[in-house]
PDB file of N, CA and C in Angstrom:
ATOM      1  N   MET A   1       9.367 -60.266  32.444  1.00  0.00           N
ATOM      2  CA  MET A   1       7.826 -60.232  32.148  1.00  0.00           C
ATOM      3  C   MET A   1       7.202 -59.245  33.274  1.00  0.00           C
ATOM      4  N   HIS A   2       6.419 -58.611  32.483  1.00  0.00           N
ATOM      5  CA  HIS A   2       5.564 -57.350  33.304  1.00  0.00           C
ATOM      6  C   HIS A   2       4.494 -58.217  34.053  1.00  0.00           C
ATOM      7  N   VAL A   3       3.873 -57.469  35.026  1.00  0.00           N
ATOM      8  CA  VAL A   3       2.715 -57.995  35.742  1.00  0.00           C
ATOM      9  C   VAL A   3       1.355 -56.958  35.418  1.00  0.00           C
ATOM     10  N   ALA A   4       0.336 -57.714  35.070  1.00  0.00           N
ATOM     11  CA  ALA A   4      -0.896 -57.115  34.499  1.00  0.00           C
ATOM     12  C   ALA A   4      -1.671 -57.070  35.850  1.00  0.00           C
ATOM     13  N   ARG A   5      -2.429 -55.954  36.469  1.00  0.00           N
ATOM     14  CA  ARG A   5      -3.094 -56.154  37.619  1.00  0.00           C
ATOM     15  C   ARG A   5      -4.199 -55.514  37.491  1.00  0.00           C
ATOM     16  N   LEU A   6      -5.608 -56.278  37.922  1.00  0.00           N
ATOM     17  CA  LEU A   6      -6.946 -55.381  37.727  1.00  0.00           C
ATOM     18  C   LEU A   6      -7.042 -54.293  38.525  1.00  0.00           C
ATOM     19  N   LEU A   7      -7.804 -53.214  37.874  1.00  0.00           N
ATOM     20  CA  LEU A   7      -7.902 -51.895  38.704  1.00  0.00           C
ATOM     21  C   LEU A   7      -9.130 -51.854  39.085  1.00  0.00           C
ATOM     22  N   ALA A   8     -10.327 -52.137  38.157  1.00  0.00           N
ATOM     23  CA  ALA A   8     -11.527 -52.223  38.288  1.00  0.00           C
ATOM     24  C   ALA A   8     -12.494 -52.781  37.249  1.00  0.00           C
ATOM     25  N   ILE A   9     -13.706 -53.085  37.886  1.00  0.00           N
ATOM     26  CA  ILE A   9     -14.406 -53.677  36.994  1.00  0.00           C
ATOM     27  C   ILE A   9     -15.507 -52.606  37.073  1.00  0.00           C
ATOM     28  N   THR A  10     -16.025 -52.068  35.681  1.00  0.00           N
ATOM     29  CA  THR A  10     -17.190 -51.041  35.812  1.00  0.00           C
ATOM     30  C   THR A  10     -17.695 -51.172  34.534  1.00  0.00           C
ATOM     31  N   GLU A  11     -18.647 -50.273  34.272  1.00  0.00           N
ATOM     32  CA  GLU A  11     -19.427 -50.151  32.975  1.00  0.00           C
ATOM     33  C   GLU A  11     -18.763 -48.773  32.014  1.00  0.00           C
ATOM     34  N   VAL A  12     -18.707 -49.167  30.824  1.00  0.00           N
ATOM     35  CA  VAL A  12     -17.794 -48.338  30.095  1.00  0.00           C
ATOM     36  C   VAL A  12     -18.261 -47.088  30.126  1.00  0.00           C
ATOM     37  N   ARG A  13     -19.271 -46.477  30.554  1.00  0.00           N
ATOM     38  CA  ARG A  13     -19.803 -45.017  30.972  1.00  0.00           C
ATOM     39  C   ARG A  13     -19.027 -44.465  32.005  1.00  0.00           C
ATOM     40  N   ASN A  14     -18.267 -45.365  33.020  1.00  0.00           N
ATOM     41  CA  ASN A  14     -17.826 -44.796  34.052  1.00  0.00           C
ATOM     42  C   ASN A  14     -16.379 -45.036  34.059  1.00  0.00           C
ATOM     43  N   VAL A  15     -15.986 -45.482  33.009  1.00  0.00           N
ATOM     44  CA  VAL A  15     -14.417 -45.456  32.855  1.00  0.00           C
ATOM     45  C   VAL A  15     -13.705 -43.860  32.626  1.00  0.00           C
ATOM     46  N   PRO A  16     -13.080 -43.765  33.556  1.00  0.00           N
ATOM     47  CA  PRO A  16     -12.145 -42.564  33.645  1.00  0.00           C
ATOM     48  C   PRO A  16     -11.482 -41.905  31.952  1.00  0.00           C
ATOM     49  N   PRO A  17     -11.589 -40.613  31.744  1.00  0.00           N
ATOM     50  CA  PRO A  17     -11.396 -39.965  30.385  1.00  0.00           C
ATOM     51  C   PRO A  17     -10.007 -40.069  30.227  1.00  0.00           C
ATOM     52  N   GLU A  18      -8.957 -40.523  30.726  1.00  0.00           N
ATOM     53  CA  GLU A  18      -7.788 -40.531  30.717  1.00  0.00           C
ATOM     54  C   GLU A  18      -7.244 -42.085  30.231  1.00  0.00           C
ATOM     55  N   ILE A  19      -8.459 -43.112  30.806  1.00  0.00           N
ATOM     56  CA  ILE A  19      -8.476 -44.772  30.255  1.00  0.00           C
ATOM     57  C   ILE A  19      -9.237 -44.941  28.962  1.00  0.00           C
ATOM     58  N   ARG A  20     -10.264 -44.191  28.945  1.00  0.00           N
ATOM     59  CA  ARG A  20     -11.136 -44.241  27.587  1.00  0.00           C
ATOM     60  C   ARG A  20     -10.432 -44.471  26.032  1.00  0.00           C
ATOM     61  N   PRO A  21      -9.437 -43.843  26.240  1.00  0.00           N
ATOM     62  CA  PRO A  21      -8.960 -44.086  24.561  1.00  0.00           C
ATOM     63  C   PRO A  21      -8.616 -45.503  24.626  1.00  0.00           C
ATOM     64  N   PHE A  22      -8.303 -46.322  25.719  1.00  0.00           N
ATOM     65  CA  PHE A  22      -7.601 -47.794  25.553  1.00  0.00           C
ATOM     66  C   PHE A  22      -8.915 -48.516  25.426  1.00  0.00           C
ATOM     67  N   VAL A  23     -10.038 -48.371  25.948  1.00  0.00           N
ATOM     68  CA  VAL A  23     -11.202 -48.880  25.447  1.00  0.00           C
ATOM     69  C   VAL A  23     -11.803 -48.738  24.203  1.00  0.00           C
ATOM     70  N   ASP A  24     -11.808 -47.385  23.840  1.00  0.00           N
ATOM     71  CA  ASP A  24     -11.942 -47.179  22.444  1.00  0.00           C
ATOM     72  C   ASP A  24     -11.378 -47.820  21.238  1.00  0.00           C
ATOM     73  N   PHE A  25      -9.886 -48.231  21.764  1.00  0.00           N
ATOM     74  CA  PHE A  25      -9.130 -48.710  20.691  1.00  0.00           C
ATOM     75  C   PHE A  25      -9.254 -50.085  20.902  1.00  0.00           C
ATOM     76  N   ARG A  26      -9.390 -50.865  22.028  1.00  0.00           N
ATOM     77  CA  ARG A  26      -9.531 -52.271  22.056  1.00  0.00           C
ATOM     78  C   ARG A  26     -10.860 -52.594  21.453  1.00  0.00           C
ATOM     79  N   ALA A  27     -12.026 -51.868  21.423  1.00  0.00           N
ATOM     80  CA  ALA A  27     -13.469 -52.080  20.696  1.00  0.00           C
ATOM     81  C   ALA A  27     -13.086 -51.985  19.146  1.00  0.00           C
ATOM     82  N   ALA A  28     -12.671 -50.890  18.817  1.00  0.00           N
ATOM     83  CA  ALA A  28     -12.027 -50.877  17.253  1.00  0.00           C
ATOM     84  C   ALA A  28     -11.285 -52.296  16.683  1.00  0.00           C
ATOM     85  N   MET A  29     -10.406 -52.530  17.755  1.00  0.00           N
ATOM     86  CA  MET A  29      -9.932 -53.828  17.292  1.00  0.00           C
ATOM     87  C   MET A  29     -10.721 -55.120  17.367  1.00  0.00           C
ATOM     88  N   GLU A  30     -11.523 -54.794  18.060  1.00  0.00           N
ATOM     89  CA  GLU A  30     -12.496 -56.216  18.134  1.00  0.00           C
ATOM     90  C   GLU A  30     -13.410 -55.967  17.091  1.00  0.00           C
ATOM     91  N   GLU A  31     -13.954 -54.488  16.520  1.00  0.00           N
ATOM     92  CA  GLU A  31     -14.796 -54.369  15.469  1.00  0.00           C
ATOM     93  C   GLU A  31     -16.225 -54.285  16.031  1.00  0.00           C
ATOM     94  N   ARG A  32     -16.055 -53.875  17.475  1.00  0.00           N
ATOM     95  CA  ARG A  32     -17.502 -54.048  18.171  1.00  0.00           C
ATOM     96  C   ARG A  32     -18.045 -52.300  18.773  1.00  0.00           C
ATOM     97  N   GLU A  33     -19.620 -52.432  18.456  1.00  0.00           N
ATOM     98  CA  GLU A  33     -19.919 -51.294  18.940  1.00  0.00           C
ATOM     99  C   GLU A  33     -20.061 -51.274  20.505  1.00  0.00           C
ATOM    100  N   LEU A  34     -19.661 -50.391  20.780  1.00  0.00           N
ATOM    101  CA  LEU A  34     -19.655 -50.056  22.390  1.00  0.00           C
ATOM    102  C   LEU A  34     -20.840 -49.792  22.979  1.00  0.00           C
ATOM    103  N   ASP A  35     -21.339 -50.403  23.795  1.00  0.00           N
ATOM    104  CA  ASP A  35     -22.452 -50.040  24.525  1.00  0.00           C
ATOM    105  C   ASP A  35     -22.118 -49.292  26.041  1.00  0.00           C
ATOM    106  N   GLU A  36     -22.395 -48.264  26.513  1.00  0.00           N
ATOM    107  CA  GLU A  36     -22.333 -47.795  27.445  1.00  0.00           C
ATOM    108  C   GLU A  36     -22.252 -48.372  28.889  1.00  0.00           C
ATOM    109  N   ALA A  37     -23.451 -49.325  28.665  1.00  0.00           N
ATOM    110  CA  ALA A  37     -23.687 -49.900  29.980  1.00  0.00           C
ATOM    111  C   ALA A  37     -23.066 -51.369  29.906  1.00  0.00           C
ATOM    112  N   GLU A  38     -22.090 -51.833  29.107  1.00  0.00           N
ATOM    113  CA  GLU A  38     -21.506 -52.794  28.915  1.00  0.00           C
ATOM    114  C   GLU A  38     -20.364 -52.715  30.089  1.00  0.00           C
ATOM    115  N   LYS A  39     -20.170 -54.052  30.949  1.00  0.00           N
ATOM    116  CA  LYS A  39     -19.085 -54.041  31.791  1.00  0.00           C
ATOM    117  C   LYS A  39     -17.710 -54.386  31.117  1.00  0.00           C
ATOM    118  N   VAL A  40     -16.966 -53.626  31.798  1.00  0.00           N
ATOM    119  CA  VAL A  40     -15.202 -53.803  31.309  1.00  0.00           C
ATOM    120  C   VAL A  40     -14.440 -54.040  32.353  1.00  0.00           C
ATOM    121  N   ALA A  41     -13.504 -54.705  32.640  1.00  0.00           N
ATOM    122  CA  ALA A  41     -12.355 -55.043  33.499  1.00  0.00           C
ATOM    123  C   ALA A  41     -11.339 -53.915  32.647  1.00  0.00           C
ATOM    124  N   LEU A  42     -10.705 -53.142  33.828  1.00  0.00           N
ATOM    125  CA  LEU A  42      -9.641 -52.689  33.611  1.00  0.00           C
ATOM    126  C   LEU A  42      -8.164 -53.274  34.356  1.00  0.00           C
ATOM    127  N   LEU A  43      -7.365 -53.381  33.412  1.00  0.00           N
ATOM    128  CA  LEU A  43      -6.070 -53.940  33.623  1.00  0.00           C
ATOM    129  C   LEU A  43      -4.960 -52.839  33.757  1.00  0.00           C
ATOM    130  N   ILE A  44      -3.842 -53.044  34.329  1.00  0.00           N
ATOM    131  CA  ILE A  44      -2.553 -51.921  34.217  1.00  0.00           C
ATOM    132  C   ILE A  44      -1.705 -52.852  34.286  1.00  0.00           C
ATOM    133  N   ILE A  45      -0.623 -52.824  33.480  1.00  0.00           N
ATOM    134  CA  ILE A  45       0.666 -53.148  33.331  1.00  0.00           C
ATOM    135  C   ILE A  45       1.531 -52.606  34.603  1.00  0.00           C
ATOM    136  N   GLU A  46       1.779 -52.958  35.285  1.00  0.00           N
ATOM    137  CA  GLU A  46       2.869 -52.343  36.641  1.00  0.00           C
ATOM    138  C   GLU A  46       4.162 -51.879  35.846  1.00  0.00           C
ATOM    139  N   THR A  47       4.148 -50.608  36.367  1.00  0.00           N
ATOM    140  CA  THR A  47       5.315 -49.937  36.097  1.00  0.00           C
ATOM    141  C   THR A  47       5.295 -49.084  34.563  1.00  0.00           C
ATOM    142  N   THR A  48       4.652 -49.226  34.059  1.00  0.00           N
ATOM    143  CA  THR A  48       3.746 -48.537  32.924  1.00  0.00           C
ATOM    144  C   THR A  48       2.555 -47.870  33.095  1.00  0.00           C
ATOM    145  N   SER A  49       2.153 -47.032  32.055  1.00  0.00           N
ATOM    146  CA  SER A  49       0.601 -46.267  32.075  1.00  0.00           C
ATOM    147  C   SER A  49       0.069 -47.315  30.992  1.00  0.00           C
ATOM    148  N   CYS A  50       0.435 -48.271  30.787  1.00  0.00           N
ATOM    149  CA  CYS A  50      -0.483 -49.043  29.621  1.00  0.00           C
ATOM    150  C   CYS A  50      -1.871 -49.582  30.139  1.00  0.00           C
ATOM    151  N   TYR A  51      -3.083 -49.317  29.790  1.00  0.00           N
ATOM    152  CA  TYR A  51      -4.016 -49.884  30.477  1.00  0.00           C
ATOM    153  C   TYR A  51      -4.567 -51.007  29.242  1.00  0.00           C
ATOM    154  N   ILE A  52      -5.131 -52.188  29.719  1.00  0.00           N
ATOM    155  CA  ILE A  52      -5.867 -53.367  29.156  1.00  0.00           C
ATOM    156  C   ILE A  52      -7.304 -53.346  29.293  1.00  0.00           C
ATOM    157  N   PRO A  53      -8.005 -53.004  28.524  1.00  0.00           N
ATOM    158  CA  PRO A  53      -9.564 -53.176  28.905  1.00  0.00           C
ATOM    159  C   PRO A  53      -9.998 -54.809  28.326  1.00  0.00           C
ATOM    160  N   VAL A  54     -11.000 -55.078  29.235  1.00  0.00           N
ATOM    161  CA  VAL A  54     -11.138 -56.695  28.952  1.00  0.00           C
ATOM    162  C   VAL A  54     -12.779 -56.497  28.820  1.00  0.00           C
ATOM    163  N   PHE A  55     -13.301 -56.675  27.780  1.00  0.00           N
ATOM    164  CA  PHE A  55     -14.952 -56.634  27.955  1.00  0.00           C
ATOM    165  C   PHE A  55     -15.457 -58.112  28.452  1.00  0.00           C
ATOM    166  N   LEU A  56     -16.272 -58.063  28.967  1.00  0.00           N
ATOM    167  CA  LEU A  56     -16.873 -59.111  30.189  1.00  0.00           C
ATOM    168  C   LEU A  56     -18.159 -59.428  29.713  1.00  0.00           C
ATOM    169  N   ASN A  57     -18.333 -59.526  28.420  1.00  0.00           N
ATOM    170  CA  ASN A  57     -19.510 -60.302  27.870  1.00  0.00           C
ATOM    171  C   ASN A  57     -19.396 -61.499  27.158  1.00  0.00           C
ATOM    172  N   GLY A  58     -18.565 -62.264  27.860  1.00  0.00           N
ATOM    173  CA  GLY A  58     -18.392 -63.757  27.627  1.00  0.00           C
ATOM    174  C   GLY A  58     -17.619 -64.194  26.243  1.00  0.00           C
ATOM    175  N   SER A  59     -17.155 -63.181  25.564  1.00  0.00           N
ATOM    176  CA  SER A  59     -16.644 -63.582  24.381  1.00  0.00           C
ATOM    177  C   SER A  59     -14.936 -63.785  24.200  1.00  0.00           C
ATOM    178  N   GLU A  60     -14.572 -63.793  25.631  1.00  0.00           N
ATOM    179  CA  GLU A  60     -13.059 -64.142  25.669  1.00  0.00           C
ATOM    180  C   GLU A  60     -12.780 -64.925  26.936  1.00  0.00           C
ATOM    181  N   SER A  61     -12.581 -65.892  26.966  1.00  0.00           N
ATOM    182  CA  SER A  61     -11.900 -66.719  27.846  1.00  0.00           C
ATOM    183  C   SER A  61     -10.969 -65.908  28.836  1.00  0.00           C
ATOM    184  N   LEU A  62     -10.406 -66.636  29.976  1.00  0.00           N
ATOM    185  CA  LEU A  62      -9.330 -66.577  30.783  1.00  0.00           C
ATOM    186  C   LEU A  62      -8.093 -67.075  29.956  1.00  0.00           C
ATOM    187  N   ALA A  63      -8.190 -68.208  29.588  1.00  0.00           N
ATOM    188  CA  ALA A  63      -7.107 -68.557  28.841  1.00  0.00           C
ATOM    189  C   ALA A  63      -6.790 -67.684  27.766  1.00  0.00           C
ATOM    190  N   GLU A  64      -7.473 -67.302  26.976  1.00  0.00           N
ATOM    191  CA  GLU A  64      -7.471 -66.302  25.869  1.00  0.00           C
ATOM    192  C   GLU A  64      -6.918 -64.959  26.184  1.00  0.00           C
ATOM    193  N   LEU A  65      -7.204 -64.432  27.480  1.00  0.00           N
ATOM    194  CA  LEU A  65      -6.900 -63.056  27.859  1.00  0.00           C
ATOM    195  C   LEU A  65      -5.229 -63.440  28.277  1.00  0.00           C
ATOM    196  N   GLU A  66      -4.848 -64.679  29.105  1.00  0.00           N
ATOM    197  CA  GLU A  66      -3.840 -64.829  29.499  1.00  0.00           C
ATOM    198  C   GLU A  66      -2.645 -64.780  28.033  1.00  0.00           C
ATOM    199  N   LYS A  67      -3.014 -65.742  27.166  1.00  0.00           N
ATOM    200  CA  LYS A  67      -2.465 -65.831  25.843  1.00  0.00           C
ATOM    201  C   LYS A  67      -2.080 -64.319  25.203  1.00  0.00           C
ATOM    202  N   ARG A  68      -3.268 -63.502  25.232  1.00  0.00           N
ATOM    203  CA  ARG A  68      -3.133 -61.992  24.792  1.00  0.00           C
ATOM    204  C   ARG A  68      -1.917 -61.229  25.482  1.00  0.00           C
ATOM    205  N   LEU A  69      -2.048 -61.198  26.792  1.00  0.00           N
ATOM    206  CA  LEU A  69      -1.149 -60.769  27.356  1.00  0.00           C
ATOM    207  C   LEU A  69       0.536 -61.181  27.257  1.00  0.00           C
ATOM    208  N   ALA A  70       0.469 -62.665  27.433  1.00  0.00           N
ATOM    209  CA  ALA A  70       1.711 -63.370  27.114  1.00  0.00           C
ATOM    210  C   ALA A  70       2.410 -62.603  25.900  1.00  0.00           C
ATOM    211  N   ASP A  71       1.610 -62.631  24.824  1.00  0.00           N
ATOM    212  CA  ASP A  71       2.018 -61.610  23.588  1.00  0.00           C
ATOM    213  C   ASP A  71       2.674 -60.507  24.005  1.00  0.00           C
ATOM    214  N   GLN A  72       2.136 -59.546  25.013  1.00  0.00           N
ATOM    215  CA  GLN A  72       2.803 -58.602  25.186  1.00  0.00           C
ATOM    216  C   GLN A  72       3.797 -58.716  26.482  1.00  0.00           C
ATOM    217  N   ASP A  73       4.046 -59.627  26.751  1.00  0.00           N
ATOM    218  CA  ASP A  73       5.416 -59.925  27.585  1.00  0.00           C
ATOM    219  C   ASP A  73       4.788 -59.545  28.926  1.00  0.00           C
ATOM    220  N   ALA A  74       3.419 -59.993  29.262  1.00  0.00           N
ATOM    221  CA  ALA A  74       3.061 -59.540  30.467  1.00  0.00           C
ATOM    222  C   ALA A  74       2.117 -61.094  31.121  1.00  0.00           C
ATOM    223  N   LYS A  75       1.937 -60.930  32.372  1.00  0.00           N
ATOM    224  CA  LYS A  75       1.127 -62.192  32.954  1.00  0.00           C
ATOM    225  C   LYS A  75       0.437 -61.523  34.148  1.00  0.00           C
ATOM    226  N   LEU A  76      -0.786 -61.997  34.092  1.00  0.00           N
ATOM    227  CA  LEU A  76      -2.039 -61.595  35.152  1.00  0.00           C
ATOM    228  C   LEU A  76      -1.317 -62.022  36.543  1.00  0.00           C
ATOM    229  N   ALA A  77      -1.559 -60.764  37.163  1.00  0.00           N
ATOM    230  CA  ALA A  77      -1.297 -61.500  38.829  1.00  0.00           C
ATOM    231  C   ALA A  77      -2.172 -62.429  39.454  1.00  0.00           C
ATOM    232  N   THR A  78      -1.975 -63.294  40.232  1.00  0.00           N
ATOM    233  CA  THR A  78      -2.858 -64.172  40.972  1.00  0.00           C
ATOM    234  C   THR A  78      -3.943 -63.535  41.371  1.00  0.00           C
ATOM    235  N   ASP A  79      -4.152 -62.518  42.212  1.00  0.00           N
ATOM    236  CA  ASP A  79      -5.149 -61.757  42.854  1.00  0.00           C
ATOM    237  C   ASP A  79      -5.975 -61.448  41.627  1.00  0.00           C
ATOM    238  N   SER A  80      -5.721 -60.867  40.650  1.00  0.00           N
ATOM    239  CA  SER A  80      -6.391 -60.273  39.613  1.00  0.00           C
ATOM    240  C   SER A  80      -6.980 -61.535  38.629  1.00  0.00           C
ATOM    241  N   ARG A  81      -6.442 -62.456  38.497  1.00  0.00           N
ATOM    242  CA  ARG A  81      -6.649 -63.698  37.688  1.00  0.00           C
ATOM    243  C   ARG A  81      -8.026 -64.366  38.542  1.00  0.00           C
ATOM    244  N   ASP A  82      -7.713 -64.538  39.838  1.00  0.00           N
ATOM    245  CA  ASP A  82      -9.033 -65.076  40.832  1.00  0.00           C
ATOM    246  C   ASP A  82     -10.049 -64.340  40.704  1.00  0.00           C
ATOM    247  N   ALA A  83     -10.069 -62.880  40.609  1.00  0.00           N
ATOM    248  CA  ALA A  83     -11.026 -61.794  40.635  1.00  0.00           C
ATOM    249  C   ALA A  83     -11.701 -61.810  39.449  1.00  0.00           C
ATOM    250  N   LEU A  84     -10.924 -62.112  38.148  1.00  0.00           N
ATOM    251  CA  LEU A  84     -11.589 -61.942  36.803  1.00  0.00           C
ATOM    252  C   LEU A  84     -12.163 -63.361  36.443  1.00  0.00           C
ATOM    253  N   ALA A  85     -11.872 -64.786  36.894  1.00  0.00           N
ATOM    254  CA  ALA A  85     -12.228 -65.729  36.772  1.00  0.00           C
ATOM    255  C   ALA A  85     -13.987 -66.134  36.627  1.00  0.00           C
ATOM    256  N   PRO A  86     -14.269 -65.591  37.580  1.00  0.00           N
ATOM    257  CA  PRO A  86     -15.940 -65.715  37.667  1.00  0.00           C
ATOM    258  C   PRO A  86     -16.567 -64.936  36.678  1.00  0.00           C
ATOM    259  N   HIS A  87     -15.882 -64.084  36.027  1.00  0.00           N
ATOM    260  CA  HIS A  87     -16.501 -62.980  34.870  1.00  0.00           C
ATOM    261  C   HIS A  87     -16.203 -63.416  33.508  1.00  0.00           C
ATOM    262  N   LEU A  88     -15.043 -64.265  33.373  1.00  0.00           N
ATOM    263  CA  LEU A  88     -14.699 -64.579  31.907  1.00  0.00           C
ATOM    264  C   LEU A  88     -15.275 -66.266  31.539  1.00  0.00           C
ATOM    265  N   SER A  89     -15.532 -66.312  30.319  1.00  0.00           N
ATOM    266  CA  SER A  89     -16.037 -67.680  30.064  1.00  0.00           C
ATOM    267  C   SER A  89     -14.962 -68.847  29.988  1.00  0.00           C
TER     268      SER A  89
END
């Protein structure tokens, strides 16, 4: 099982260009219109170049995020879980 770690919590407009395609793809999957001021958490799967954006608008719970990661054979690192918990419903 892979470990997912929190890289940053930032606004969509501040996401680095090399990570932005992951954010755009996730937004398309969720059929959401991106707001450049929206907060997003950026996770990385350790030992890979796979980034997982998590929109922090209250539409996803911590349990749902952990299930989504488990479906990708990944687990949220404890420190990252603790950091994200206040931001997810």
